[in-house]
C-alpha atoms as a PDB file:
ATOM      1  CA  MET A   1      -0.048  -0.272  -0.308  1.00  0.00           C
ATOM      2  CA  ALA A   2       1.285   3.275  -0.883  1.00  0.00           C
ATOM      3  CA  GLU A   3       1.314   5.695   2.081  1.00  0.00           C
ATOM      4  CA  ALA A   4      -0.334   9.526   2.170  1.00  0.00           C
ATOM      5  CA  THR A   5       0.785  12.649   3.525  1.00  0.00           C
ATOM      6  CA  TRP A   6      -1.193  15.673   4.056  1.00  0.00           C
ATOM      7  CA  GLU A   7       0.094  18.503   3.278  1.00  0.00           C
ATOM      8  CA  LYS A   8      -1.578  22.443   4.357  1.00  0.00           C
ATOM      9  CA  PRO A   9      -0.621  23.901   0.964  1.00  0.00           C
ATOM     10  CA  GLN A  10       0.807  27.575   1.413  1.00  0.00           C
ATOM     11  CA  SER A  11      -1.180  30.415   0.268  1.00  0.00           C
ATOM     12  CA  THR A  12       0.125  33.629  -1.373  1.00  0.00           C
ATOM     13  CA  THR A  13      -2.945  35.180  -1.996  1.00  0.00           C
ATOM     14  CA  GLU A  14      -4.106  35.536   1.120  1.00  0.00           C
ATOM     15  CA  PRO A  15      -3.818  39.336   2.643  1.00  0.00           C
ATOM     16  CA  VAL A  16      -2.129  39.241   5.808  1.00  0.00           C
ATOM     17  CA  ARG A  17      -4.167  40.615   8.487  1.00  0.00           C
ATOM     18  CA  ALA A  18      -2.845  43.090  11.065  1.00  0.00           C
ATOM     19  CA  ARG A  19      -4.498  42.339  14.772  1.00  0.00           C
ATOM     20  CA  GLY A  20      -3.935  45.603  15.628  1.00  0.00           C
ATOM     21  CA  SER A  21      -6.949  47.198  13.188  1.00  0.00           C
ATOM     22  CA  GLU A  22      -9.017  44.085  13.956  1.00  0.00           C
ATOM     23  CA  ARG A  23      -8.352  44.865  18.117  1.00  0.00           C
ATOM     24  CA  LEU A  24      -9.214  48.590  16.746  1.00  0.00           C
ATOM     25  CA  LYS A  25     -12.381  47.665  15.105  1.00  0.00           C
ATOM     26  CA  PHE A  26     -13.924  45.935  18.165  1.00  0.00           C
ATOM     27  CA  LEU A  27     -13.092  48.263  20.443  1.00  0.00           C
ATOM     28  CA  ILE A  28     -14.938  51.144  18.109  1.00  0.00           C
ATOM     29  CA  GLY A  29     -18.007  48.733  18.052  1.00  0.00           C
ATOM     30  CA  GLY A  30     -17.775  48.338  21.671  1.00  0.00           C
ATOM     31  CA  ILE A  31     -17.791  51.367  22.205  1.00  0.00           C
ATOM     32  CA  LEU A  32     -21.127  52.647  19.598  1.00  0.00           C
ATOM     33  CA  ILE A  33     -22.868  49.605  21.457  1.00  0.00           C
ATOM     34  CA  LEU A  34     -22.159  50.960  24.917  1.00  0.00           C
ATOM     35  CA  ALA A  35     -23.326  54.786  23.781  1.00  0.00           C
ATOM     36  CA  ALA A  36     -26.056  53.755  22.380  1.00  0.00           C
ATOM     37  CA  VAL A  37     -27.040  51.814  25.764  1.00  0.00           C
ATOM     38  CA  ALA A  38     -26.047  55.248  27.899  1.00  0.00           C
ATOM     39  CA  TYR A  39     -28.252  57.535  25.511  1.00  0.00           C
ATOM     40  CA  LEU A  40     -31.001  54.972  25.905  1.00  0.00           C
ATOM     41  CA  VAL A  41     -30.918  54.786  29.712  1.00  0.00           C
ATOM     42  CA  ILE A  42     -30.595  58.495  29.951  1.00  0.00           C
ATOM     43  CA  SER A  43     -33.416  59.544  27.531  1.00  0.00           C
ATOM     44  CA  GLY A  44     -35.632  56.826  29.462  1.00  0.00           C
ATOM     45  CA  THR A  45     -35.043  58.152  32.742  1.00  0.00           C
ATOM     46  CA  LEU A  46     -35.645  61.864  31.606  1.00  0.00           C
ATOM     47  CA  SER A  47     -38.678  61.075  30.025  1.00  0.00           C
ATOM     48  CA  GLY A  48     -40.199  59.033  32.944  1.00  0.00           C
ATOM     49  CA  ALA A  49     -38.625  61.314  35.817  1.00  0.00           C
ATOM     50  CA  ARG A  50     -42.604  62.502  36.647  1.00  0.00           C
ATOM     51  CA  TYR A  51     -45.350  60.258  37.122  1.00  0.00           C
ATOM     52  CA  TYR A  52     -48.285  62.839  36.537  1.00  0.00           C
ATOM     53  CA  ILE A  53     -48.669  66.337  36.239  1.00  0.00           C
ATOM     54  CA  THR A  54     -51.036  68.087  38.080  1.00  0.00           C
ATOM     55  CA  ILE A  55     -54.751  69.538  36.910  1.00  0.00           C
ATOM     56  CA  ASP A  56     -53.486  72.864  37.487  1.00  0.00           C
ATOM     57  CA  GLU A  57     -50.416  72.770  34.844  1.00  0.00           C
ATOM     58  CA  LEU A  58     -52.572  70.472  32.381  1.00  0.00           C
ATOM     59  CA  VAL A  59     -55.189  73.004  32.105  1.00  0.00           C
ATOM     60  CA  SER A  60     -52.743  76.123  32.662  1.00  0.00           C
ATOM     61  CA  ASN A  61     -50.876  74.827  29.259  1.00  0.00           C
ATOM     62  CA  PRO A  62     -52.752  74.808  26.163  1.00  0.00           C
ATOM     63  CA  GLU A  63     -49.198  72.978  24.597  1.00  0.00           C
ATOM     64  CA  TYR A  64     -50.917  69.716  26.459  1.00  0.00           C
ATOM     65  CA  VAL A  65     -54.493  69.876  24.246  1.00  0.00           C
ATOM     66  CA  GLY A  66     -54.105  66.797  22.153  1.00  0.00           C
ATOM     67  CA  GLN A  67     -51.447  65.021  23.820  1.00  0.00           C
ATOM     68  CA  THR A  68     -51.380  62.060  25.316  1.00  0.00           C
ATOM     69  CA  VAL A  69     -50.531  62.701  28.847  1.00  0.00           C
ATOM     70  CA  ARG A  70     -50.764  61.372  32.896  1.00  0.00           C
ATOM     71  CA  VAL A  71     -52.824  63.403  35.231  1.00  0.00           C
ATOM     72  CA  ALA A  72     -53.708  63.010  38.873  1.00  0.00           C
ATOM     73  CA  GLY A  73     -56.620  64.735  41.083  1.00  0.00           C
ATOM     74  CA  ALA A  74     -59.487  64.437  43.625  1.00  0.00           C
ATOM     75  CA  VAL A  75     -62.478  62.908  42.247  1.00  0.00           C
ATOM     76  CA  ASP A  76     -65.632  64.709  43.168  1.00  0.00           C
ATOM     77  CA  GLY A  77     -68.061  61.951  44.226  1.00  0.00           C
ATOM     78  CA  ALA A  78     -70.864  64.338  43.491  1.00  0.00           C
ATOM     79  CA  THR A  79     -70.482  64.618  40.326  1.00  0.00           C
ATOM     80  CA  ILE A  80     -69.735  60.804  39.003  1.00  0.00           C
ATOM     81  CA  ASN A  81     -71.986  59.489  36.270  1.00  0.00           C
ATOM     82  CA  PHE A  82     -72.583  56.307  34.702  1.00  0.00           C
ATOM     83  CA  ASP A  83     -73.870  55.618  31.874  1.00  0.00           C
ATOM     84  CA  SER A  84     -74.638  51.571  32.467  1.00  0.00           C
ATOM     85  CA  GLN A  85     -75.947  51.097  28.735  1.00  0.00           C
ATOM     86  CA  ASN A  86     -73.224  53.322  26.637  1.00  0.00           C
ATOM     87  CA  LEU A  87     -70.089  52.239  29.243  1.00  0.00           C
ATOM     88  CA  ILE A  88     -69.658  55.730  29.530  1.00  0.00           C
ATOM     89  CA  ILE A  89     -67.901  57.294  33.005  1.00  0.00           C
ATOM     90  CA  THR A  90     -68.048  60.971  33.606  1.00  0.00           C
ATOM     91  CA  PHE A  91     -66.728  62.993  36.609  1.00  0.00           C
ATOM     92  CA  ASP A  92     -65.089  65.650  38.058  1.00  0.00           C
ATOM     93  CA  ALA A  93     -61.591  65.939  39.626  1.00  0.00           C
ATOM     94  CA  ALA A  94     -60.331  68.660  41.615  1.00  0.00           C
ATOM     95  CA  ASN A  95     -56.685  69.499  41.197  1.00  0.00           C
ATOM     96  CA  VAL A  96     -54.517  68.282  44.174  1.00  0.00           C
ATOM     97  CA  PRO A  97     -51.055  69.312  44.952  1.00  0.00           C
ATOM     98  CA  LEU A  98     -47.351  67.986  44.662  1.00  0.00           C
ATOM     99  CA  ASP A  99     -46.704  68.282  48.032  1.00  0.00           C
ATOM    100  CA  TYR A 100     -48.448  67.324  50.826  1.00  0.00           C
ATOM    101  CA  GLU A 101     -48.161  65.280  53.852  1.00  0.00           C
ATOM    102  CA  ASN A 102     -51.322  62.927  54.100  1.00  0.00           C
ATOM    103  CA  LEU A 103     -52.757  62.098  50.839  1.00  0.00           C
ATOM    104  CA  ALA A 104     -56.457  61.806  52.710  1.00  0.00           C
ATOM    105  CA  THR A 105     -56.419  65.255  54.331  1.00  0.00           C
ATOM    106  CA  ALA A 106     -54.774  66.349  50.655  1.00  0.00           C
ATOM    107  CA  LEU A 107     -57.564  64.933  48.847  1.00  0.00           C
ATOM    108  CA  HIS A 108     -60.498  66.207  51.225  1.00  0.00           C
ATOM    109  CA  GLU A 109     -58.973  69.805  50.868  1.00  0.00           C
ATOM    110  CA  ALA A 110     -58.838  69.859  47.098  1.00  0.00           C
ATOM    111  CA  VAL A 111     -62.762  68.672  46.242  1.00  0.00           C
ATOM    112  CA  ILE A 112     -63.729  70.681  49.106  1.00  0.00           C
ATOM    113  CA  ASP A 113     -62.025  73.790  47.572  1.00  0.00           C
ATOM    114  CA  PRO A 114     -64.575  76.332  45.588  1.00  0.00           C
ATOM    115  CA  ASN A 115     -61.632  78.425  44.044  1.00  0.00           C
ATOM    116  CA  GLY A 116     -59.219  75.310  43.353  1.00  0.00           C
ATOM    117  CA  SER A 117     -58.996  73.899  39.598  1.00  0.00           C
ATOM    118  CA  ARG A 118     -61.423  71.207  38.158  1.00  0.00           C
ATOM    119  CA  LEU A 119     -60.953  68.869  35.118  1.00  0.00           C
ATOM    120  CA  THR A 120     -64.108  67.644  33.675  1.00  0.00           C
ATOM    121  CA  VAL A 121     -62.996  63.698  33.126  1.00  0.00           C
ATOM    122  CA  ARG A 122     -64.957  61.008  30.135  1.00  0.00           C
ATOM    123  CA  VAL A 123     -63.631  57.196  30.277  1.00  0.00           C
ATOM    124  CA  GLU A 124     -65.297  55.346  27.699  1.00  0.00           C
ATOM    125  CA  GLY A 125     -65.729  51.612  27.206  1.00  0.00           C
ATOM    126  CA  GLN A 126     -65.665  50.318  30.743  1.00  0.00           C
ATOM    127  CA  PRO A 127     -67.396  49.092  33.831  1.00  0.00           C
ATOM    128  CA  MET A 128     -67.675  51.469  36.539  1.00  0.00           C
ATOM    129  CA  PRO A 129     -65.018  50.638  38.850  1.00  0.00           C
ATOM    130  CA  ASP A 130     -65.507  49.980  42.825  1.00  0.00           C
ATOM    131  CA  LEU A 131     -63.078  52.610  44.010  1.00  0.00           C
ATOM    132  CA  LEU A 132     -64.479  55.388  41.929  1.00  0.00           C
ATOM    133  CA  GLN A 133     -65.970  57.459  44.869  1.00  0.00           C
ATOM    134  CA  HIS A 134     -66.192  60.448  46.542  1.00  0.00           C
ATOM    135  CA  GLU A 135     -62.213  61.830  47.711  1.00  0.00           C
ATOM    136  CA  ALA A 136     -60.684  58.846  46.022  1.00  0.00           C
ATOM    137  CA  GLN A 137     -57.043  59.708  43.910  1.00  0.00           C
ATOM    138  CA  ALA A 138     -57.668  59.595  40.344  1.00  0.00           C
ATOM    139  CA  ILE A 139     -54.929  58.942  37.536  1.00  0.00           C
ATOM    140  CA  MET A 140     -55.499  59.144  34.549  1.00  0.00           C
ATOM    141  CA  THR A 141     -54.353  58.856  31.129  1.00  0.00           C
ATOM    142  CA  GLY A 142     -55.606  60.469  27.875  1.00  0.00           C
ATOM    143  CA  THR A 143     -55.974  62.992  25.883  1.00  0.00           C
ATOM    144  CA  MET A 144     -57.156  66.559  26.481  1.00  0.00           C
ATOM    145  CA  GLY A 145     -59.993  67.686  24.211  1.00  0.00           C
ATOM    146  CA  THR A 146     -60.405  71.482  22.879  1.00  0.00           C
ATOM    147  CA  ASP A 147     -63.610  70.815  24.309  1.00  0.00           C
ATOM    148  CA  GLY A 148     -62.211  71.326  27.976  1.00  0.00           C
ATOM    149  CA  VAL A 149     -63.223  67.618  28.428  1.00  0.00           C
ATOM    150  CA  PHE A 150     -59.693  64.868  29.579  1.00  0.00           C
ATOM    151  CA  HIS A 151     -61.139  61.931  27.280  1.00  0.00           C
ATOM    152  CA  ALA A 152     -59.061  59.209  29.628  1.00  0.00           C
ATOM    153  CA  SER A 153     -58.128  55.870  28.146  1.00  0.00           C
ATOM    154  CA  GLU A 154     -56.927  54.316  31.478  1.00  0.00           C
ATOM    155  CA  LEU A 155     -58.187  54.799  35.037  1.00  0.00           C
ATOM    156  CA  LEU A 156     -56.225  54.308  38.312  1.00  0.00           C
ATOM    157  CA  LEU A 157     -57.637  54.543  41.543  1.00  0.00           C
ATOM    158  CA  LYS A 158     -56.481  55.338  45.365  1.00  0.00           C
ATOM    159  CA  CYS A 159     -58.932  55.332  47.777  1.00  0.00           C
ATOM    160  CA  PRO A 160     -56.766  56.857  51.165  1.00  0.00           C
ATOM    161  CA  THR A 161     -59.321  55.512  53.285  1.00  0.00           C
ATOM    162  CA  ARG A 162     -59.128  51.936  52.406  1.00  0.00           C
ATOM    163  CA  PHE A 163     -54.991  52.065  51.941  1.00  0.00           C
ATOM    164  CA  GLU A 164     -53.682  53.997  54.699  1.00  0.00           C
ATOM    165  CA  GLU A 165     -49.766  53.782  54.767  1.00  0.00           C
ATOM    166  CA  ALA A 166     -48.002  52.343  57.906  1.00  0.00           C
ATOM    167  CA  GLN A 167     -45.861  55.105  59.999  1.00  0.00           C
ATOM    168  CA  PRO A 168     -42.530  54.443  60.953  1.00  0.00           C
ATOM    169  CA  GLY A 169     -42.522  51.949  63.918  1.00  0.00           C
ATOM    170  CA  GLN A 170     -46.159  50.559  63.722  1.00  0.00           C
ATOM    171  CA  SER A 171     -46.998  47.171  62.737  1.00  0.00           C
ATOM    172  CA  ILE A 172     -48.732  46.410  59.488  1.00  0.00           C
ATOM    173  CA  VAL A 173     -49.937  43.811  61.154  1.00  0.00           C
ATOM    174  CA  GLU A 174     -53.461  44.119  62.902  1.00  0.00           C
ATOM    175  CA  PRO A 175     -53.446  43.657  66.994  1.00  0.00           C
ATOM    176  CA  GLY A 176     -54.487  40.587  67.869  1.00  0.00           C
ATOM    177  CA  ALA A 177     -54.191  38.383  64.085  1.00  0.00           C
END
């Protein structure tokens, strides 16, 4: 039998690459990826710095008309109206200042203030929420119409009398439980 050996042929047509240029390409690519990630993190943080705006800010700035915004206010229970046939909820929300110590007190004072800003809210296509009641905190996402009515697509409610925050040193579990 004949013996065969294999040898790698030497190619003279293949260009020789410098290792330094390959490392430079990877370094530039890595820097570009890191810069893109940093830009996305920073822009996302700055745009979401505030969870919502107040009713005063919405009513006083005409630039918000037609834009999707998130606004918070106190529900005036006397104005709640629900059309069960068409699933349309309307109510007035009163301005709640950004700085307060007790949410329940701030909501109560906002609703009884005759000089405070008010906003008529219209929510379509949703059943009547159980928490939609007098002096509940409403956080609404939607658009301000040219007619002065806020057309909400999302309605989040918090009733401060049912969800009281525990103070430092207080137990969350009720005594005797």
